[in-house]
Amino acid sequence: MDRFKKEITVNDEVRVFQFDRMTSMSGVKFFITSTDSNRKPIAFSLKQTDRGNWKLTPGSLRWLYDIETELSDAIIETQKQR
């Protein structure tokens, strides 16, 4: 399992997102933890698409879709560094 952190700005607030790579029977995904605007812990996942980018799994919090591209880019950038 690969792990890294990335700071991403959400509504003018910088938040730290912890990415954990997991492999299962259904493929590769990243389990991500952070906090919401009230500092409550949140957790969600991104799954790789056939195009190589990463998409939120259904049922994710609505505001996460606003930063989905940044989350995907963080994974892609980290994978290029290996």
N, C-alpha and C. Protein backbone atom coordinates (compact mmCIF):
# COMPACT_ATOMS: atom_id res chain seq x y z
N MET A 1 0.86 -1.18 0.00
CA MET A 1 0.00 0.00 0.00
C MET A 1 0.89 1.24 0.00
N ASP A 2 0.68 2.13 -0.94
CA ASP A 2 1.43 3.39 -1.02
C ASP A 2 0.66 4.46 -0.29
N ARG A 3 1.40 5.38 0.32
CA ARG A 3 0.78 6.44 1.11
C ARG A 3 1.48 7.76 0.85
N PHE A 4 0.67 8.84 0.73
CA PHE A 4 1.24 10.18 0.62
C PHE A 4 0.20 11.20 1.08
N LYS A 5 0.67 12.42 1.34
CA LYS A 5 -0.20 13.53 1.74
C LYS A 5 -0.12 14.62 0.70
N LYS A 6 -1.22 15.36 0.57
CA LYS A 6 -1.27 16.47 -0.38
C LYS A 6 -2.14 17.57 0.21
N GLU A 7 -1.67 18.81 0.11
CA GLU A 7 -2.48 19.96 0.52
C GLU A 7 -3.27 20.44 -0.68
N ILE A 8 -4.58 20.61 -0.49
CA ILE A 8 -5.47 21.08 -1.54
C ILE A 8 -6.35 22.17 -0.95
N THR A 9 -6.53 23.26 -1.72
CA THR A 9 -7.36 24.36 -1.25
C THR A 9 -8.82 24.08 -1.56
N VAL A 10 -9.65 24.22 -0.51
CA VAL A 10 -11.09 24.03 -0.64
C VAL A 10 -11.76 25.28 -0.07
N ASN A 11 -12.44 26.03 -0.92
CA ASN A 11 -13.11 27.27 -0.49
C ASN A 11 -12.18 28.18 0.30
N ASP A 12 -11.03 28.49 -0.26
CA ASP A 12 -10.02 29.38 0.34
C ASP A 12 -9.41 28.84 1.63
N GLU A 13 -9.56 27.55 1.90
CA GLU A 13 -8.98 26.92 3.08
C GLU A 13 -8.11 25.75 2.63
N VAL A 14 -6.85 25.75 3.09
CA VAL A 14 -5.94 24.66 2.74
C VAL A 14 -6.19 23.50 3.68
N ARG A 15 -6.44 22.32 3.08
CA ARG A 15 -6.67 21.11 3.87
C ARG A 15 -5.67 20.04 3.44
N VAL A 16 -5.32 19.19 4.39
CA VAL A 16 -4.40 18.09 4.12
C VAL A 16 -5.22 16.83 3.85
N PHE A 17 -4.89 16.17 2.74
CA PHE A 17 -5.55 14.92 2.36
C PHE A 17 -4.51 13.80 2.42
N GLN A 18 -4.84 12.72 3.12
CA GLN A 18 -3.97 11.54 3.23
C GLN A 18 -4.46 10.50 2.24
N PHE A 19 -3.59 10.08 1.31
CA PHE A 19 -3.94 9.12 0.27
C PHE A 19 -3.30 7.77 0.61
N ASP A 20 -4.10 6.71 0.57
CA ASP A 20 -3.61 5.34 0.79
C ASP A 20 -4.04 4.48 -0.39
N ARG A 21 -3.06 3.92 -1.09
CA ARG A 21 -3.34 3.08 -2.26
C ARG A 21 -3.70 1.67 -1.81
N MET A 22 -4.76 1.12 -2.37
CA MET A 22 -5.20 -0.23 -2.03
C MET A 22 -5.49 -1.01 -3.30
N THR A 23 -5.15 -2.28 -3.27
CA THR A 23 -5.45 -3.17 -4.39
C THR A 23 -6.38 -4.26 -3.89
N SER A 24 -7.46 -4.49 -4.65
CA SER A 24 -8.41 -5.54 -4.28
C SER A 24 -8.82 -6.29 -5.53
N MET A 25 -9.75 -7.20 -5.38
CA MET A 25 -10.25 -7.97 -6.51
C MET A 25 -10.87 -7.07 -7.57
N SER A 26 -11.42 -5.93 -7.14
CA SER A 26 -12.07 -5.02 -8.09
C SER A 26 -11.12 -3.99 -8.69
N GLY A 27 -9.83 -4.08 -8.37
CA GLY A 27 -8.85 -3.18 -8.95
C GLY A 27 -8.16 -2.30 -7.91
N VAL A 28 -7.56 -1.24 -8.42
CA VAL A 28 -6.81 -0.31 -7.58
C VAL A 28 -7.69 0.87 -7.23
N LYS A 29 -7.61 1.31 -5.98
CA LYS A 29 -8.30 2.53 -5.57
C LYS A 29 -7.46 3.22 -4.52
N PHE A 30 -7.75 4.48 -4.29
CA PHE A 30 -7.13 5.24 -3.23
C PHE A 30 -8.18 5.58 -2.19
N PHE A 31 -7.90 5.22 -0.93
CA PHE A 31 -8.73 5.57 0.21
C PHE A 31 -8.15 6.86 0.76
N ILE A 32 -8.98 7.89 0.90
CA ILE A 32 -8.50 9.22 1.27
C ILE A 32 -9.20 9.69 2.54
N THR A 33 -8.42 10.28 3.44
CA THR A 33 -8.97 10.85 4.66
C THR A 33 -8.58 12.32 4.75
N SER A 34 -9.43 13.10 5.40
CA SER A 34 -9.18 14.52 5.60
C SER A 34 -10.18 15.01 6.65
N THR A 35 -10.44 16.31 6.64
CA THR A 35 -11.45 16.89 7.52
C THR A 35 -12.35 17.80 6.69
N ASP A 36 -13.57 17.98 7.17
CA ASP A 36 -14.48 18.90 6.48
C ASP A 36 -14.31 20.30 7.05
N SER A 37 -15.18 21.22 6.65
CA SER A 37 -15.06 22.62 7.09
C SER A 37 -15.27 22.78 8.59
N ASN A 38 -15.87 21.81 9.24
CA ASN A 38 -16.07 21.83 10.69
C ASN A 38 -15.01 21.03 11.43
N ARG A 39 -13.96 20.63 10.72
CA ARG A 39 -12.85 19.83 11.25
C ARG A 39 -13.27 18.42 11.66
N LYS A 40 -14.38 17.95 11.12
CA LYS A 40 -14.82 16.58 11.36
C LYS A 40 -14.11 15.66 10.36
N PRO A 41 -13.64 14.49 10.81
CA PRO A 41 -12.97 13.56 9.90
C PRO A 41 -13.91 13.06 8.80
N ILE A 42 -13.35 12.93 7.60
CA ILE A 42 -14.10 12.37 6.49
C ILE A 42 -13.22 11.33 5.80
N ALA A 43 -13.85 10.42 5.09
CA ALA A 43 -13.14 9.40 4.33
C ALA A 43 -13.92 9.11 3.06
N PHE A 44 -13.18 8.88 1.98
CA PHE A 44 -13.81 8.59 0.69
C PHE A 44 -12.78 7.90 -0.19
N SER A 45 -13.21 7.44 -1.37
CA SER A 45 -12.32 6.70 -2.26
C SER A 45 -12.37 7.24 -3.68
N LEU A 46 -11.27 7.04 -4.40
CA LEU A 46 -11.21 7.30 -5.83
C LEU A 46 -10.79 6.02 -6.52
N LYS A 47 -11.39 5.74 -7.66
CA LYS A 47 -11.09 4.54 -8.43
C LYS A 47 -10.57 4.97 -9.81
N GLN A 48 -9.62 4.21 -10.32
CA GLN A 48 -9.03 4.55 -11.61
C GLN A 48 -9.98 4.19 -12.76
N THR A 49 -10.05 5.09 -13.74
CA THR A 49 -10.88 4.86 -14.92
C THR A 49 -10.04 4.22 -16.02
N ASP A 50 -10.69 3.81 -17.08
CA ASP A 50 -9.99 3.22 -18.23
C ASP A 50 -9.05 4.23 -18.89
N ARG A 51 -9.32 5.51 -18.72
CA ARG A 51 -8.49 6.58 -19.30
C ARG A 51 -7.27 6.90 -18.47
N GLY A 52 -7.18 6.33 -17.27
CA GLY A 52 -6.02 6.56 -16.41
C GLY A 52 -6.19 7.65 -15.38
N ASN A 53 -7.32 8.35 -15.42
CA ASN A 53 -7.55 9.35 -14.38
C ASN A 53 -8.33 8.68 -13.23
N TRP A 54 -8.65 9.45 -12.21
CA TRP A 54 -9.28 8.90 -11.00
C TRP A 54 -10.59 9.62 -10.74
N LYS A 55 -11.61 8.85 -10.38
CA LYS A 55 -12.95 9.40 -10.14
C LYS A 55 -13.44 9.00 -8.75
N LEU A 56 -14.20 9.90 -8.15
CA LEU A 56 -14.81 9.61 -6.85
C LEU A 56 -15.78 8.44 -6.98
N THR A 57 -15.86 7.65 -5.94
CA THR A 57 -16.82 6.56 -5.94
C THR A 57 -18.20 7.13 -5.61
N PRO A 58 -19.26 6.50 -6.12
CA PRO A 58 -20.62 7.01 -5.85
C PRO A 58 -20.89 7.13 -4.35
N GLY A 59 -21.63 8.18 -4.01
CA GLY A 59 -21.97 8.43 -2.61
C GLY A 59 -21.02 9.38 -1.90
N SER A 60 -20.04 9.91 -2.63
CA SER A 60 -19.09 10.85 -2.02
C SER A 60 -19.79 12.17 -1.72
N LEU A 61 -19.24 12.89 -0.75
CA LEU A 61 -19.80 14.20 -0.39
C LEU A 61 -19.79 15.13 -1.59
N ARG A 62 -20.81 15.92 -1.72
CA ARG A 62 -20.99 16.77 -2.90
C ARG A 62 -19.82 17.72 -3.12
N TRP A 63 -19.29 18.36 -2.07
CA TRP A 63 -18.22 19.33 -2.25
C TRP A 63 -16.93 18.70 -2.75
N LEU A 64 -16.78 17.38 -2.60
CA LEU A 64 -15.58 16.72 -3.10
C LEU A 64 -15.51 16.73 -4.62
N TYR A 65 -16.68 16.75 -5.28
CA TYR A 65 -16.68 16.78 -6.74
C TYR A 65 -16.07 18.07 -7.28
N ASP A 66 -16.09 19.14 -6.47
CA ASP A 66 -15.47 20.41 -6.88
C ASP A 66 -13.94 20.29 -6.97
N ILE A 67 -13.36 19.35 -6.21
CA ILE A 67 -11.90 19.19 -6.21
C ILE A 67 -11.48 17.83 -6.78
N GLU A 68 -12.39 17.15 -7.44
CA GLU A 68 -12.08 15.82 -7.98
C GLU A 68 -10.86 15.84 -8.90
N THR A 69 -10.75 16.84 -9.75
CA THR A 69 -9.61 16.94 -10.67
C THR A 69 -8.31 17.10 -9.90
N GLU A 70 -8.30 17.93 -8.86
CA GLU A 70 -7.09 18.12 -8.05
C GLU A 70 -6.69 16.83 -7.34
N LEU A 71 -7.68 16.08 -6.85
CA LEU A 71 -7.40 14.80 -6.20
C LEU A 71 -6.80 13.82 -7.20
N SER A 72 -7.39 13.74 -8.38
CA SER A 72 -6.88 12.86 -9.43
C SER A 72 -5.46 13.26 -9.84
N ASP A 73 -5.24 14.55 -10.03
CA ASP A 73 -3.92 15.05 -10.42
C ASP A 73 -2.86 14.71 -9.36
N ALA A 74 -3.24 14.78 -8.09
CA ALA A 74 -2.30 14.47 -7.01
C ALA A 74 -1.82 13.02 -7.12
N ILE A 75 -2.74 12.12 -7.43
CA ILE A 75 -2.37 10.70 -7.59
C ILE A 75 -1.47 10.53 -8.80
N ILE A 76 -1.86 11.12 -9.92
CA ILE A 76 -1.09 10.97 -11.16
C ILE A 76 0.32 11.54 -10.99
N GLU A 77 0.45 12.72 -10.37
CA GLU A 77 1.75 13.34 -10.16
C GLU A 77 2.64 12.45 -9.28
N THR A 78 2.07 11.88 -8.23
CA THR A 78 2.84 11.04 -7.33
C THR A 78 3.31 9.77 -8.03
N GLN A 79 2.46 9.21 -8.88
CA GLN A 79 2.84 8.00 -9.60
C GLN A 79 3.95 8.26 -10.62
N LYS A 80 4.00 9.47 -11.18
CA LYS A 80 5.05 9.81 -12.14
C LYS A 80 6.42 9.93 -11.46
N GLN A 81 6.42 10.24 -10.16
CA GLN A 81 7.66 10.44 -9.43
C GLN A 81 8.37 9.14 -9.10
N ARG A 82 7.72 8.01 -9.35
CA ARG A 82 8.33 6.71 -8.99
C ARG A 82 9.20 6.21 -10.08
